[in-house]
Each structure stands twice: as C-alpha cells, then as structure tokens.
Amino acid sequence: MIDTKPLEDRVFEKYPGIDAEQAGREYRDFLSARADGIEQSPSDLADLIWHEHVLDTKRYAQDCGRLFGRFLHHVPSGKYCFGETE
C-alpha cells in the first residue's frame, strides 16, 4: 500500500477541521478495494486525499502502476475509470 502521511499533511493544511488520518485510512481502503476488483466510489474524505495524490502526477502514476498495473483516472464526478471507454 502507499504512504498517505504526506497527503494527509497537505489535506490538514488546507482543511484544519478535517480528520486527515481518517481520510488517509479511507483512501487506502478505497485503493485496496479497487486493487481487489471491488468497484466503489471513494468517501468524501478519501476523495480529498485522492485529489492531493493526483496533483503529484509522477508519484500518482507510479503508485497506480504498482497497485493496479495501469493508470486509475479520476473524473470530476468523483468516479474513476481505467480507460476512456469505461
């Protein structure tokens, strides 16, 4: 799994009232479920961490490759897909 601490720190800086550690746990749970083939949308807290992760494009691409073997796209609706046709 990935280290979400740096992402949690950035979320906490932007949203001091947010439980960033909980957001990190929920994001890791989302990624783990997706890696296991379980399709689910991320929680609102997890989505905050995901946004920070996506902004670090190089790390995000590397993590996606390691976790899924391909890039996991984030679309504005809060959903995700692996390719343009999904």
N, C-alpha and C. Protein backbone atom coordinates (compact mmCIF):
# COMPACT_ATOMS: atom_id res chain seq x y z
N MET A 1 0.85 -1.18 0.00
CA MET A 1 0.00 0.00 0.00
C MET A 1 0.89 1.24 0.00
N ILE A 2 0.31 2.37 -0.12
CA ILE A 2 1.08 3.61 -0.22
C ILE A 2 1.12 4.34 1.13
N ASP A 3 2.11 5.19 1.27
CA ASP A 3 2.24 6.05 2.45
C ASP A 3 1.41 7.30 2.19
N THR A 4 0.33 7.47 2.92
CA THR A 4 -0.55 8.62 2.73
C THR A 4 -0.24 9.78 3.66
N LYS A 5 0.74 9.64 4.52
CA LYS A 5 1.04 10.70 5.50
C LYS A 5 1.32 12.06 4.85
N PRO A 6 2.16 12.12 3.80
CA PRO A 6 2.38 13.44 3.18
C PRO A 6 1.08 14.02 2.58
N LEU A 7 0.23 13.17 2.06
CA LEU A 7 -1.05 13.62 1.51
C LEU A 7 -1.97 14.10 2.63
N GLU A 8 -1.98 13.37 3.72
CA GLU A 8 -2.78 13.76 4.89
C GLU A 8 -2.34 15.12 5.41
N ASP A 9 -1.03 15.34 5.46
CA ASP A 9 -0.50 16.61 5.94
C ASP A 9 -0.98 17.77 5.06
N ARG A 10 -0.97 17.57 3.76
CA ARG A 10 -1.43 18.63 2.84
C ARG A 10 -2.92 18.89 3.00
N VAL A 11 -3.70 17.83 3.18
CA VAL A 11 -5.15 17.99 3.38
C VAL A 11 -5.39 18.75 4.68
N PHE A 12 -4.66 18.38 5.74
CA PHE A 12 -4.85 19.06 7.02
C PHE A 12 -4.49 20.54 6.94
N GLU A 13 -3.46 20.87 6.16
CA GLU A 13 -3.09 22.28 5.98
C GLU A 13 -4.22 23.07 5.32
N LYS A 14 -4.87 22.46 4.35
CA LYS A 14 -5.95 23.12 3.61
C LYS A 14 -7.26 23.14 4.39
N TYR A 15 -7.51 22.07 5.14
CA TYR A 15 -8.78 21.91 5.86
C TYR A 15 -8.48 21.50 7.31
N PRO A 16 -8.10 22.44 8.16
CA PRO A 16 -7.68 22.10 9.53
C PRO A 16 -8.72 21.34 10.35
N GLY A 17 -9.99 21.47 10.04
CA GLY A 17 -11.02 20.77 10.81
C GLY A 17 -11.24 19.33 10.39
N ILE A 18 -10.58 18.91 9.33
CA ILE A 18 -10.75 17.56 8.79
C ILE A 18 -9.88 16.58 9.57
N ASP A 19 -10.41 15.39 9.80
CA ASP A 19 -9.62 14.30 10.38
C ASP A 19 -8.82 13.68 9.24
N ALA A 20 -7.64 14.23 9.01
CA ALA A 20 -6.83 13.81 7.87
C ALA A 20 -6.36 12.36 7.98
N GLU A 21 -6.11 11.90 9.20
CA GLU A 21 -5.71 10.49 9.37
C GLU A 21 -6.83 9.56 8.95
N GLN A 22 -8.06 9.90 9.32
CA GLN A 22 -9.22 9.11 8.91
C GLN A 22 -9.37 9.15 7.39
N ALA A 23 -9.15 10.33 6.82
CA ALA A 23 -9.22 10.46 5.36
C ALA A 23 -8.19 9.55 4.69
N GLY A 24 -7.00 9.51 5.25
CA GLY A 24 -5.95 8.63 4.72
C GLY A 24 -6.33 7.17 4.80
N ARG A 25 -6.91 6.76 5.94
CA ARG A 25 -7.36 5.37 6.09
C ARG A 25 -8.44 5.04 5.06
N GLU A 26 -9.38 5.94 4.89
CA GLU A 26 -10.47 5.69 3.93
C GLU A 26 -9.93 5.65 2.50
N TYR A 27 -8.94 6.46 2.20
CA TYR A 27 -8.35 6.44 0.86
C TYR A 27 -7.61 5.12 0.62
N ARG A 28 -6.84 4.69 1.61
CA ARG A 28 -6.14 3.40 1.47
C ARG A 28 -7.15 2.26 1.32
N ASP A 29 -8.26 2.32 2.06
CA ASP A 29 -9.31 1.29 1.92
C ASP A 29 -9.90 1.30 0.52
N PHE A 30 -10.13 2.50 -0.03
CA PHE A 30 -10.65 2.64 -1.39
C PHE A 30 -9.68 2.02 -2.39
N LEU A 31 -8.40 2.37 -2.27
CA LEU A 31 -7.40 1.83 -3.20
C LEU A 31 -7.30 0.31 -3.07
N SER A 32 -7.33 -0.18 -1.86
CA SER A 32 -7.23 -1.62 -1.63
C SER A 32 -8.42 -2.35 -2.24
N ALA A 33 -9.60 -1.81 -2.04
CA ALA A 33 -10.80 -2.42 -2.63
C ALA A 33 -10.71 -2.42 -4.15
N ARG A 34 -10.27 -1.29 -4.71
CA ARG A 34 -10.16 -1.20 -6.17
C ARG A 34 -9.13 -2.18 -6.70
N ALA A 35 -8.02 -2.34 -5.98
CA ALA A 35 -6.99 -3.31 -6.37
C ALA A 35 -7.52 -4.73 -6.33
N ASP A 36 -8.49 -4.98 -5.44
CA ASP A 36 -9.11 -6.30 -5.33
C ASP A 36 -10.27 -6.48 -6.31
N GLY A 37 -10.49 -5.48 -7.17
CA GLY A 37 -11.55 -5.57 -8.17
C GLY A 37 -12.92 -5.14 -7.70
N ILE A 38 -12.98 -4.57 -6.50
CA ILE A 38 -14.25 -4.10 -5.95
C ILE A 38 -14.49 -2.68 -6.43
N GLU A 39 -15.57 -2.47 -7.13
CA GLU A 39 -15.88 -1.14 -7.66
C GLU A 39 -16.72 -0.38 -6.64
N GLN A 40 -16.18 0.72 -6.18
CA GLN A 40 -16.89 1.57 -5.24
C GLN A 40 -16.38 2.98 -5.43
N SER A 41 -17.19 3.94 -5.10
CA SER A 41 -16.75 5.33 -5.13
C SER A 41 -16.08 5.65 -3.80
N PRO A 42 -15.13 6.56 -3.81
CA PRO A 42 -14.47 6.92 -2.56
C PRO A 42 -15.39 7.76 -1.69
N SER A 43 -15.17 7.70 -0.40
CA SER A 43 -15.89 8.58 0.52
C SER A 43 -15.46 10.02 0.26
N ASP A 44 -16.20 10.97 0.79
CA ASP A 44 -15.82 12.38 0.63
C ASP A 44 -14.45 12.66 1.23
N LEU A 45 -14.15 12.05 2.39
CA LEU A 45 -12.84 12.23 3.00
C LEU A 45 -11.73 11.63 2.13
N ALA A 46 -11.96 10.42 1.65
CA ALA A 46 -10.97 9.77 0.79
C ALA A 46 -10.73 10.58 -0.48
N ASP A 47 -11.77 11.20 -0.99
CA ASP A 47 -11.64 11.99 -2.21
C ASP A 47 -10.72 13.19 -1.99
N LEU A 48 -10.71 13.77 -0.80
CA LEU A 48 -9.79 14.87 -0.52
C LEU A 48 -8.34 14.42 -0.64
N ILE A 49 -8.05 13.24 -0.12
CA ILE A 49 -6.70 12.68 -0.22
C ILE A 49 -6.39 12.35 -1.67
N TRP A 50 -7.35 11.79 -2.38
CA TRP A 50 -7.15 11.42 -3.79
C TRP A 50 -6.76 12.66 -4.61
N HIS A 51 -7.44 13.77 -4.36
CA HIS A 51 -7.13 14.99 -5.10
C HIS A 51 -5.67 15.40 -4.87
N GLU A 52 -5.21 15.30 -3.64
CA GLU A 52 -3.81 15.64 -3.35
C GLU A 52 -2.87 14.66 -4.04
N HIS A 53 -3.23 13.41 -4.07
CA HIS A 53 -2.41 12.37 -4.70
C HIS A 53 -2.28 12.64 -6.20
N VAL A 54 -3.40 12.94 -6.84
CA VAL A 54 -3.41 13.18 -8.28
C VAL A 54 -2.53 14.39 -8.65
N LEU A 55 -2.47 15.38 -7.78
CA LEU A 55 -1.66 16.56 -8.07
C LEU A 55 -0.17 16.26 -8.16
N ASP A 56 0.26 15.21 -7.51
CA ASP A 56 1.66 14.77 -7.61
C ASP A 56 1.69 13.71 -8.72
N THR A 57 1.65 14.18 -9.96
CA THR A 57 1.40 13.29 -11.11
C THR A 57 2.39 12.15 -11.23
N LYS A 58 3.66 12.43 -11.02
CA LYS A 58 4.67 11.37 -11.16
C LYS A 58 4.45 10.27 -10.12
N ARG A 59 4.29 10.68 -8.87
CA ARG A 59 4.07 9.69 -7.81
C ARG A 59 2.75 8.95 -8.03
N TYR A 60 1.71 9.69 -8.41
CA TYR A 60 0.41 9.06 -8.63
C TYR A 60 0.49 8.01 -9.73
N ALA A 61 1.14 8.35 -10.85
CA ALA A 61 1.27 7.38 -11.95
C ALA A 61 2.05 6.15 -11.50
N GLN A 62 3.13 6.36 -10.74
CA GLN A 62 3.92 5.23 -10.24
C GLN A 62 3.10 4.36 -9.29
N ASP A 63 2.37 5.00 -8.39
CA ASP A 63 1.54 4.24 -7.44
C ASP A 63 0.46 3.46 -8.16
N CYS A 64 -0.17 4.07 -9.15
CA CYS A 64 -1.21 3.36 -9.91
C CYS A 64 -0.62 2.14 -10.61
N GLY A 65 0.56 2.32 -11.20
CA GLY A 65 1.21 1.19 -11.87
C GLY A 65 1.50 0.05 -10.92
N ARG A 66 1.97 0.41 -9.73
CA ARG A 66 2.29 -0.62 -8.73
C ARG A 66 1.04 -1.29 -8.18
N LEU A 67 -0.01 -0.50 -7.92
CA LEU A 67 -1.24 -1.03 -7.32
C LEU A 67 -2.15 -1.75 -8.30
N PHE A 68 -2.26 -1.18 -9.51
CA PHE A 68 -3.26 -1.68 -10.46
C PHE A 68 -2.69 -2.18 -11.77
N GLY A 69 -1.44 -1.86 -12.04
CA GLY A 69 -0.85 -2.24 -13.31
C GLY A 69 -1.24 -1.30 -14.44
N ARG A 70 -1.94 -0.24 -14.12
CA ARG A 70 -2.36 0.76 -15.10
C ARG A 70 -2.83 2.01 -14.35
N PHE A 71 -3.09 3.05 -15.10
CA PHE A 71 -3.45 4.34 -14.53
C PHE A 71 -4.92 4.36 -14.14
N LEU A 72 -5.21 4.83 -12.95
CA LEU A 72 -6.59 4.98 -12.48
C LEU A 72 -6.97 6.45 -12.64
N HIS A 73 -7.83 6.73 -13.60
CA HIS A 73 -8.25 8.11 -13.86
C HIS A 73 -9.27 8.56 -12.83
N HIS A 74 -9.18 9.81 -12.45
CA HIS A 74 -10.17 10.46 -11.58
C HIS A 74 -10.93 11.42 -12.46
N VAL A 75 -12.24 11.31 -12.48
CA VAL A 75 -13.04 12.22 -13.29
C VAL A 75 -13.81 13.15 -12.36
N PRO A 76 -14.20 14.33 -12.84
CA PRO A 76 -14.82 15.33 -11.96
C PRO A 76 -16.04 14.87 -11.18
N SER A 77 -16.73 13.87 -11.63
CA SER A 77 -17.92 13.41 -10.91
C SER A 77 -17.57 12.69 -9.62
N GLY A 78 -16.27 12.48 -9.37
CA GLY A 78 -15.83 11.76 -8.18
C GLY A 78 -15.71 10.28 -8.44
N LYS A 79 -15.98 9.89 -9.68
CA LYS A 79 -15.84 8.48 -10.03
C LYS A 79 -14.44 8.24 -10.57
N TYR A 80 -14.23 7.11 -11.14
CA TYR A 80 -12.92 6.77 -11.65
C TYR A 80 -13.09 5.80 -12.80
N CYS A 81 -12.04 5.66 -13.60
CA CYS A 81 -12.05 4.64 -14.65
C CYS A 81 -10.61 4.34 -15.03
N PHE A 82 -10.41 3.20 -15.63
CA PHE A 82 -9.08 2.82 -16.06
C PHE A 82 -8.80 3.27 -17.49
N GLY A 83 -9.83 3.52 -18.28
CA GLY A 83 -9.63 3.92 -19.65
C GLY A 83 -10.73 4.81 -20.13
N GLU A 84 -10.59 5.32 -21.32
CA GLU A 84 -11.58 6.25 -21.86
C GLU A 84 -12.94 5.61 -22.07
N THR A 85 -12.98 4.31 -22.28
CA THR A 85 -14.26 3.66 -22.59
C THR A 85 -14.98 3.12 -21.37
N GLU A 86 -14.36 3.19 -20.22
CA GLU A 86 -15.01 2.65 -19.02
C GLU A 86 -15.88 3.72 -18.36
